[in-house]
Amino acid sequence: MIHYWLVLLAIAVAIAYLADKTKQPYPTLLVIAGLLLGLLPIPAMDELKDYIASDHVFQTTVILIFLSALIGDAAIKLHFHEVKENKRPILLLSLLGTMITFVLVTVLCSVFLGLSLQRALVFGALMAATDPVSVLSIFKSLGLNSKLSTIVEGESLANDGVAVVLFKIALVTTMLSMSSLLDGTLEFAKVVIGGMAIGILGGFLASRITSRIDNYLVEIGLSIVLFYGVFEVAEMFHLSGVISVVFAGLLLGTYGKNIGMSDTTLEKMDSFWEVIAFIGNALIFLMVGLEISNINFTDKWLEIGGSIVIVLLARFIAVYASLAMDRDMPSAWKPIIAWGGLKGSLSIALLLGVSPDFEGRDLLLAMTFSNVVFSLLVQGTTLSRLVALLKVK
C-alpha cells in the first residue's frame, strides 16, 4: 500500500511546484489534476484506480488521518480576538446561513432533481460546508480587507463543524416527522455543545503545558496529540470531533501562543501544519479524481447541472438572509462572501468516508465533485475580478 501513497504524493509535489510557478492557489490545480487523472486513459494509473476504488479501508484511513489536520491547520491560524471582534457576522453565517443553505439545497434537490429524502439531506449537508483551506488559499492571494477576510475564514471554519453534524444526522435519517425533527435538534445541540466543551478543555490544557516548554519539536508533537486526541475523544462519546478540533485549535493558536510559544515555535508549527494540510488536500483530491473514472456520468448531467444552480442560489439566499440582521455589514461585501463560499476537500472527504454500499453514493459523489470543480475553477478564479469590480480591496 505504501507505494500507492508515494505515487499520489509525488504527483501532489509536482502540482505544488507548478502552482507556485504559475502563481495559482494549489487547490485549483489539485482539482484539475484529480479530474485529469480520473478521466484520461492513463495505463500506469489503472492499477491505482482499481485499488483506491475497491479498498474502502484505504479511503477511510486517509480521511481519518487528514480530516483533523485540515481543520486544525485552519483553526490554529485564526486568532480568537479577530473572531471575537467579528463574532456577529461569523455566527450569523456559520449557524443561520449554514442551516438555510442546508434546508434550501435539501428541499430544492428533492423537488426539482427527484432525489430521495436521505440523498437530498446528505447532499444538503455536504454543500452547507465551505472549505477553509480553499478559502484561506485563495483569499490570502487577494489581499482583501482584513475584517472581510476574517469573516469569510471564520465562517468557513465554524460552518464545517455544523455541516459535519448535519451530515452525520442525515446519514441515518430516512423519514421526517415532528418527533424525528425534535430528536434531530436535540442531537444536534448535544454533539455541538459537547464537542465545544472537549475542544476548549483540550486546548486549555495543551496551552498550559506549552507555557512550560521551550522546545518546538515537543510543542508540535503536542499539537498533533491535541488535534487527534480531542477528535477521538469527542467521537468516542458520539460528539462532534470536528468542532472539538476547531475550538482546540483556536485556543492553542491564540491563548497558547500568547502565554508560552517562542517565535521559532510559532513559525515552525505553522509551517508543519501547512505541509500536513497540503498533503491531506492533495491526497483527497487525487483520490476522488481516480475514483471518478469508475462513475458513469452519462445519465447524471441533469442532476449535476441542476445541483450547481441550486447550490449557488441557496448560498446567495443564505448569505443575504443571514446578514440582513447585521446592519454594519457593507453591501459590497455580501456578493463577495456569497461567491467566495468555496467548496473543497472536506465535502469530498466526508462522502469518501461513506460505505460504497450506501444507495446513491456514486450520484452524490459525482454531484459533489462537480460542485467542487465549479467552485474552485469558476468561483475561485473569478473572485478577484468581482473584488476589483466592487472596489473592496
Protein backbone atom coordinates (compact mmCIF):
# COMPACT_ATOMS: atom_id res chain seq x y z
CA MET A 1 0.00 0.00 0.00
CA ILE A 2 2.95 2.34 0.66
CA HIS A 3 3.88 2.71 -3.00
CA TYR A 4 0.36 3.95 -3.81
CA TRP A 5 0.78 6.73 -1.26
CA LEU A 6 4.16 7.63 -2.74
CA VAL A 7 2.75 7.86 -6.27
CA LEU A 8 -0.02 10.22 -5.14
CA LEU A 9 2.41 12.27 -3.05
CA ALA A 10 4.85 12.61 -5.95
CA ILE A 11 2.04 13.90 -8.17
CA ALA A 12 0.99 16.34 -5.44
CA VAL A 13 4.53 17.72 -5.09
CA ALA A 14 4.72 18.30 -8.84
CA ILE A 15 1.38 20.11 -8.72
CA ALA A 16 2.55 22.31 -5.84
CA TYR A 17 5.65 23.28 -7.85
CA LEU A 18 3.50 24.11 -10.87
CA ALA A 19 1.11 26.15 -8.72
CA ASP A 20 4.00 28.18 -7.35
CA LYS A 21 5.41 28.86 -10.82
CA THR A 22 2.03 29.89 -12.25
CA LYS A 23 1.03 31.89 -9.14
CA GLN A 24 -2.17 29.88 -8.74
CA PRO A 25 -3.71 28.60 -5.48
CA TYR A 26 -2.78 24.94 -5.25
CA PRO A 27 -6.36 23.68 -4.55
CA THR A 28 -7.34 24.88 -8.02
CA LEU A 29 -4.60 22.86 -9.72
CA LEU A 30 -5.24 19.86 -7.48
CA VAL A 31 -8.84 19.62 -8.58
CA ILE A 32 -7.75 19.85 -12.24
CA ALA A 33 -5.16 17.13 -11.70
CA GLY A 34 -7.67 14.90 -9.97
CA LEU A 35 -10.12 15.38 -12.83
CA LEU A 36 -7.48 14.61 -15.47
CA LEU A 37 -6.21 11.53 -13.64
CA GLY A 38 -9.73 10.23 -13.30
CA LEU A 39 -11.00 10.88 -16.82
CA LEU A 40 -7.96 10.43 -19.07
CA PRO A 41 -6.94 6.88 -20.10
CA ILE A 42 -3.56 6.60 -18.34
CA PRO A 43 -2.47 2.92 -18.28
CA ALA A 44 0.02 3.46 -15.46
CA MET A 45 -2.82 4.71 -13.24
CA ASP A 46 -5.22 1.82 -13.88
CA GLU A 47 -3.94 -0.36 -11.03
CA LEU A 48 -4.03 2.59 -8.63
CA LYS A 49 -7.56 3.49 -9.71
CA ASP A 50 -8.78 -0.05 -9.14
CA TYR A 51 -7.10 -0.26 -5.75
CA ILE A 52 -8.50 3.03 -4.44
CA ALA A 53 -11.97 2.33 -5.78
CA SER A 54 -12.10 -1.15 -4.25
CA ASP A 55 -10.39 -0.55 -0.90
CA HIS A 56 -12.76 1.38 1.32
CA VAL A 57 -10.39 0.87 4.28
CA PHE A 58 -7.68 2.80 2.41
CA GLN A 59 -10.09 5.66 1.70
CA THR A 60 -11.37 5.78 5.27
CA THR A 61 -7.84 5.71 6.67
CA VAL A 62 -6.84 8.72 4.58
CA ILE A 63 -9.95 10.60 5.69
CA LEU A 64 -9.40 9.85 9.38
CA ILE A 65 -5.75 10.85 9.15
CA PHE A 66 -6.25 14.16 7.38
CA LEU A 67 -9.67 15.44 8.47
CA SER A 68 -8.35 16.61 11.85
CA ALA A 69 -5.24 18.03 10.18
CA LEU A 70 -7.22 20.10 7.66
CA ILE A 71 -9.43 21.60 10.36
CA GLY A 72 -6.61 22.02 12.86
CA ASP A 73 -4.39 23.88 10.39
CA ALA A 74 -7.13 26.40 9.62
CA ALA A 75 -8.14 26.80 13.28
CA ILE A 76 -4.67 27.40 14.66
CA LYS A 77 -4.07 30.25 12.20
CA LEU A 78 -7.29 32.13 13.02
CA HIS A 79 -6.79 34.31 16.08
CA PHE A 80 -9.56 34.29 18.67
CA HIS A 81 -9.52 38.07 19.21
CA GLU A 82 -10.18 38.59 15.49
CA VAL A 83 -13.04 36.11 15.63
CA LYS A 84 -14.40 37.82 18.74
CA GLU A 85 -14.36 41.24 17.06
CA ASN A 86 -16.37 39.84 14.14
CA LYS A 87 -18.43 37.28 16.06
CA ARG A 88 -21.83 38.60 14.95
CA PRO A 89 -21.46 38.09 11.16
CA ILE A 90 -19.44 34.88 11.69
CA LEU A 91 -22.15 33.37 13.92
CA LEU A 92 -24.94 34.52 11.60
CA LEU A 93 -23.25 32.97 8.57
CA SER A 94 -21.99 29.78 10.22
CA LEU A 95 -25.20 28.96 12.10
CA LEU A 96 -28.17 30.63 10.43
CA GLY A 97 -26.59 30.76 6.97
CA THR A 98 -25.49 27.11 7.11
CA MET A 99 -28.94 25.95 8.20
CA ILE A 100 -30.64 28.00 5.45
CA THR A 101 -28.27 26.54 2.84
CA PHE A 102 -28.85 23.02 4.16
CA VAL A 103 -32.65 23.35 4.08
CA LEU A 104 -32.80 25.05 0.68
CA VAL A 105 -30.45 22.59 -1.04
CA THR A 106 -32.28 19.64 0.52
CA VAL A 107 -35.76 20.85 -0.47
CA LEU A 108 -34.83 22.05 -3.97
CA CYS A 109 -32.88 18.89 -4.82
CA SER A 110 -35.75 16.73 -3.62
CA VAL A 111 -38.40 18.71 -5.55
CA PHE A 112 -36.57 19.54 -8.78
CA LEU A 113 -33.97 16.77 -9.10
CA GLY A 114 -36.06 13.95 -7.67
CA LEU A 115 -33.54 12.90 -5.03
CA SER A 116 -34.83 10.72 -2.22
CA LEU A 117 -35.15 12.37 1.19
CA GLN A 118 -31.97 10.80 2.55
CA ARG A 119 -29.86 11.61 -0.51
CA ALA A 120 -31.16 15.19 -0.52
CA LEU A 121 -30.37 15.58 3.19
CA VAL A 122 -26.86 14.19 2.75
CA PHE A 123 -26.14 16.40 -0.26
CA GLY A 124 -27.60 19.43 1.53
CA ALA A 125 -25.23 18.85 4.44
CA LEU A 126 -22.23 18.41 2.12
CA MET A 127 -22.99 21.66 0.30
CA ALA A 128 -23.63 23.60 3.51
CA ALA A 129 -19.89 23.45 4.28
CA THR A 130 -17.37 25.87 2.80
CA ASP A 131 -13.79 24.63 2.73
CA PRO A 132 -11.39 26.57 5.00
CA VAL A 133 -8.22 25.50 3.17
CA SER A 134 -9.54 26.56 -0.24
CA VAL A 135 -10.91 29.82 1.16
CA LEU A 136 -7.68 30.64 3.00
CA SER A 137 -5.53 29.82 -0.01
CA ILE A 138 -7.49 31.97 -2.45
CA PHE A 139 -8.41 34.87 -0.14
CA LYS A 140 -4.81 35.17 1.04
CA SER A 141 -3.70 35.84 -2.54
CA LEU A 142 -6.28 38.62 -2.97
CA GLY A 143 -5.01 40.87 -0.17
CA LEU A 144 -8.54 41.70 0.97
CA ASN A 145 -9.69 43.92 3.80
CA SER A 146 -8.65 42.06 6.98
CA LYS A 147 -12.12 42.26 8.55
CA LEU A 148 -13.74 40.73 5.46
CA SER A 149 -11.09 38.00 5.30
CA THR A 150 -11.60 37.15 8.97
CA ILE A 151 -15.38 36.89 8.48
CA VAL A 152 -15.06 34.58 5.49
CA GLU A 153 -12.34 32.47 7.08
CA GLY A 154 -14.17 32.31 10.42
CA GLU A 155 -17.39 31.26 8.72
CA SER A 156 -15.68 28.57 6.66
CA LEU A 157 -14.10 27.12 9.78
CA ALA A 158 -17.19 27.25 12.01
CA ASN A 159 -19.70 26.02 9.45
CA ASP A 160 -17.59 22.93 8.78
CA GLY A 161 -18.39 21.67 12.25
CA VAL A 162 -22.09 22.44 11.84
CA ALA A 163 -22.21 20.80 8.42
CA VAL A 164 -20.43 17.65 9.65
CA VAL A 165 -23.00 17.26 12.43
CA LEU A 166 -25.83 17.73 9.90
CA PHE A 167 -24.15 15.19 7.61
CA LYS A 168 -23.98 12.52 10.31
CA ILE A 169 -27.62 13.07 11.23
CA ALA A 170 -28.63 12.97 7.54
CA LEU A 171 -26.91 9.61 7.02
CA VAL A 172 -29.35 7.91 9.41
CA THR A 173 -32.48 9.89 8.54
CA THR A 174 -34.90 8.15 6.19
CA MET A 175 -38.15 9.96 7.08
CA LEU A 176 -39.21 13.25 8.67
CA SER A 177 -41.77 13.76 11.42
CA MET A 178 -42.21 16.11 14.36
CA SER A 179 -40.60 13.59 16.70
CA SER A 180 -37.65 12.99 14.35
CA LEU A 181 -37.13 16.76 13.94
CA LEU A 182 -37.16 17.20 17.71
CA ASP A 183 -34.78 14.28 18.18
CA GLY A 184 -32.51 15.66 15.46
CA THR A 185 -32.49 19.13 17.06
CA LEU A 186 -31.61 17.73 20.48
CA GLU A 187 -28.91 15.50 18.96
CA PHE A 188 -27.51 18.48 17.07
CA ALA A 189 -27.32 20.59 20.25
CA LYS A 190 -25.73 17.75 22.20
CA VAL A 191 -22.96 16.95 19.74
CA VAL A 192 -22.15 20.62 19.10
CA ILE A 193 -22.02 21.73 22.75
CA GLY A 194 -20.25 18.56 23.82
CA GLY A 195 -17.69 18.93 21.04
CA MET A 196 -17.07 22.55 22.05
CA ALA A 197 -16.50 21.56 25.68
CA ILE A 198 -13.97 18.85 24.83
CA GLY A 199 -12.12 21.13 22.41
CA ILE A 200 -11.95 24.01 24.90
CA LEU A 201 -10.73 21.75 27.69
CA GLY A 202 -8.12 20.10 25.46
CA GLY A 203 -6.93 23.42 24.04
CA PHE A 204 -6.62 24.96 27.50
CA LEU A 205 -4.63 22.02 28.91
CA ALA A 206 -2.32 21.91 25.87
CA SER A 207 -1.75 25.67 26.13
CA ARG A 208 -0.80 25.42 29.80
CA ILE A 209 1.63 22.60 29.01
CA THR A 210 3.29 24.53 26.17
CA SER A 211 3.78 27.51 28.50
CA ARG A 212 6.21 25.35 30.50
CA ILE A 213 8.11 24.02 27.48
CA ASP A 214 10.55 25.73 25.13
CA ASN A 215 11.15 23.02 22.54
CA TYR A 216 9.41 23.38 19.21
CA LEU A 217 9.62 19.65 18.43
CA VAL A 218 7.82 18.76 21.66
CA GLU A 219 5.25 21.53 21.19
CA ILE A 220 4.48 20.49 17.62
CA GLY A 221 4.16 16.91 18.82
CA LEU A 222 1.76 18.10 21.50
CA SER A 223 -0.38 19.86 18.88
CA ILE A 224 -0.64 16.55 16.97
CA VAL A 225 -1.75 14.79 20.14
CA LEU A 226 -4.22 17.61 20.82
CA PHE A 227 -5.95 17.62 17.42
CA TYR A 228 -6.22 13.87 17.04
CA GLY A 229 -6.87 13.37 20.74
CA VAL A 230 -9.86 15.72 21.05
CA PHE A 231 -11.24 14.36 17.78
CA GLU A 232 -11.07 10.76 19.00
CA VAL A 233 -12.42 11.56 22.49
CA ALA A 234 -15.36 13.50 21.05
CA GLU A 235 -16.18 10.76 18.55
CA MET A 236 -15.91 8.14 21.29
CA PHE A 237 -18.73 9.90 23.15
CA HIS A 238 -20.69 10.42 19.89
CA LEU A 239 -19.99 14.15 19.86
CA SER A 240 -18.56 16.34 17.09
CA GLY A 241 -14.86 15.65 16.60
CA VAL A 242 -14.59 18.41 14.01
CA ILE A 243 -15.99 21.06 16.36
CA SER A 244 -13.65 19.82 19.09
CA VAL A 245 -10.66 20.34 16.79
CA VAL A 246 -11.91 23.81 15.81
CA PHE A 247 -12.07 25.04 19.40
CA ALA A 248 -8.88 23.25 20.43
CA GLY A 249 -7.06 24.89 17.52
CA LEU A 250 -8.48 28.34 18.29
CA LEU A 251 -7.34 28.15 21.92
CA LEU A 252 -3.89 26.79 21.13
CA GLY A 253 -3.47 29.28 18.29
CA THR A 254 -4.37 32.27 20.48
CA TYR A 255 -4.15 31.55 24.21
CA GLY A 256 -1.36 29.02 23.82
CA LYS A 257 0.70 31.31 21.59
CA ASN A 258 0.21 34.27 23.95
CA ILE A 259 1.30 32.55 27.15
CA GLY A 260 4.24 30.47 26.10
CA MET A 261 5.27 29.92 22.47
CA SER A 262 8.51 31.33 21.14
CA ASP A 263 8.74 32.91 17.69
CA THR A 264 10.66 29.85 16.49
CA THR A 265 7.88 27.52 17.67
CA LEU A 266 5.20 29.70 16.09
CA GLU A 267 6.95 29.71 12.74
CA LYS A 268 7.73 26.01 12.71
CA MET A 269 4.29 24.94 13.95
CA ASP A 270 2.52 27.00 11.27
CA SER A 271 4.82 25.53 8.61
CA PHE A 272 4.32 21.98 9.88
CA TRP A 273 0.51 22.11 9.80
CA GLU A 274 0.53 23.88 6.45
CA VAL A 275 2.52 20.98 4.97
CA ILE A 276 0.22 18.38 6.56
CA ALA A 277 -2.86 20.22 5.28
CA PHE A 278 -1.35 20.38 1.79
CA ILE A 279 -0.67 16.62 1.77
CA GLY A 280 -4.18 15.92 3.05
CA ASN A 281 -5.80 18.12 0.41
CA ALA A 282 -3.66 16.63 -2.32
CA LEU A 283 -4.40 13.00 -1.46
CA ILE A 284 -8.14 13.63 -1.07
CA PHE A 285 -8.45 15.50 -4.38
CA LEU A 286 -6.37 12.96 -6.26
CA MET A 287 -8.17 10.00 -4.69
CA VAL A 288 -11.59 11.25 -5.67
CA GLY A 289 -10.31 12.07 -9.14
CA LEU A 290 -9.17 8.49 -9.57
CA GLU A 291 -12.47 7.18 -8.26
CA ILE A 292 -14.39 9.41 -10.68
CA SER A 293 -13.17 7.15 -13.51
CA ASN A 294 -15.42 4.39 -12.15
CA ILE A 295 -18.57 6.55 -12.22
CA ASN A 296 -20.84 6.75 -15.25
CA PHE A 297 -21.62 10.43 -15.82
CA THR A 298 -23.74 9.96 -18.94
CA ASP A 299 -27.03 9.70 -17.06
CA LYS A 300 -26.19 12.25 -14.37
CA TRP A 301 -25.72 15.54 -16.24
CA LEU A 302 -29.18 16.84 -15.36
CA GLU A 303 -28.61 16.26 -11.65
CA ILE A 304 -25.09 17.71 -11.83
CA GLY A 305 -26.10 20.88 -13.68
CA GLY A 306 -29.21 21.34 -11.56
CA SER A 307 -27.27 20.86 -8.33
CA ILE A 308 -24.74 23.57 -9.25
CA VAL A 309 -27.53 26.08 -9.89
CA ILE A 310 -29.34 25.07 -6.69
CA VAL A 311 -26.19 25.32 -4.53
CA LEU A 312 -25.34 28.78 -5.89
CA LEU A 313 -28.91 30.02 -5.42
CA ALA A 314 -29.07 28.63 -1.88
CA ARG A 315 -25.71 30.20 -0.99
CA PHE A 316 -26.74 33.68 -2.13
CA ILE A 317 -30.10 33.49 -0.39
CA ALA A 318 -28.46 32.21 2.82
CA VAL A 319 -25.82 34.97 2.86
CA TYR A 320 -28.23 37.82 2.19
CA ALA A 321 -30.88 36.47 4.57
CA SER A 322 -28.50 35.85 7.47
CA LEU A 323 -26.58 39.12 7.07
CA ALA A 324 -29.80 41.14 6.87
CA MET A 325 -29.60 41.09 10.68
CA ASP A 326 -26.20 42.80 10.63
CA ARG A 327 -26.69 46.44 9.69
CA ASP A 328 -22.96 47.20 9.88
CA MET A 329 -22.14 44.85 7.01
CA PRO A 330 -21.19 46.83 3.85
CA SER A 331 -23.45 45.87 0.95
CA ALA A 332 -20.46 45.37 -1.37
CA TRP A 333 -19.14 42.59 0.88
CA LYS A 334 -22.21 40.36 0.60
CA PRO A 335 -21.74 39.20 -3.01
CA ILE A 336 -18.05 38.52 -2.28
CA ILE A 337 -18.96 36.42 0.75
CA ALA A 338 -21.61 34.57 -1.27
CA TRP A 339 -19.40 33.96 -4.32
CA GLY A 340 -16.42 33.17 -2.08
CA GLY A 341 -18.22 30.31 -0.32
CA LEU A 342 -15.93 27.75 -1.94
CA LYS A 343 -16.36 24.00 -1.68
CA GLY A 344 -13.34 21.79 -1.29
CA SER A 345 -11.78 18.67 0.11
CA LEU A 346 -13.92 18.50 3.26
CA SER A 347 -17.14 17.75 1.37
CA ILE A 348 -15.36 15.12 -0.70
CA ALA A 349 -13.64 13.64 2.35
CA LEU A 350 -16.95 13.18 4.18
CA LEU A 351 -18.51 11.37 1.24
CA LEU A 352 -15.45 9.18 0.62
CA GLY A 353 -15.82 8.00 4.20
CA VAL A 354 -19.31 6.65 3.48
CA SER A 355 -19.61 2.94 2.71
CA PRO A 356 -19.76 2.06 -1.02
CA ASP A 357 -22.98 0.20 -0.18
CA PHE A 358 -24.78 3.47 0.59
CA GLU A 359 -27.53 3.80 -2.02
CA GLY A 360 -26.89 6.65 -4.45
CA ARG A 361 -23.27 7.18 -3.36
CA ASP A 362 -21.99 7.38 -6.95
CA LEU A 363 -24.54 10.05 -7.85
CA LEU A 364 -23.74 12.06 -4.74
CA LEU A 365 -20.01 11.71 -5.40
CA ALA A 366 -20.44 12.93 -8.99
CA MET A 367 -22.59 15.88 -7.86
CA THR A 368 -20.25 16.79 -5.00
CA PHE A 369 -17.07 16.59 -7.07
CA SER A 370 -18.71 18.61 -9.88
CA ASN A 371 -19.71 21.34 -7.43
CA VAL A 372 -16.17 21.43 -6.03
CA VAL A 373 -14.74 21.68 -9.56
CA PHE A 374 -17.14 24.52 -10.41
CA SER A 375 -16.42 26.23 -7.12
CA LEU A 376 -12.64 26.22 -7.48
CA LEU A 377 -12.33 26.65 -11.25
CA VAL A 378 -15.09 29.20 -11.78
CA GLN A 379 -15.76 30.94 -8.48
CA GLY A 380 -12.18 30.77 -7.25
CA THR A 381 -10.64 32.12 -10.44
CA THR A 382 -13.18 34.93 -10.93
CA LEU A 383 -13.32 36.12 -7.31
CA SER A 384 -10.50 38.62 -7.89
CA ARG A 385 -12.46 40.20 -10.75
CA LEU A 386 -15.51 40.55 -8.53
CA VAL A 387 -13.38 42.15 -5.82
CA ALA A 388 -11.93 44.61 -8.34
CA LEU A 389 -15.38 45.37 -9.79
CA LEU A 390 -16.79 46.15 -6.34
CA LYS A 391 -13.61 48.03 -5.30
CA VAL A 392 -13.34 46.22 -2.00
CA LYS A 393 -9.55 45.95 -1.62
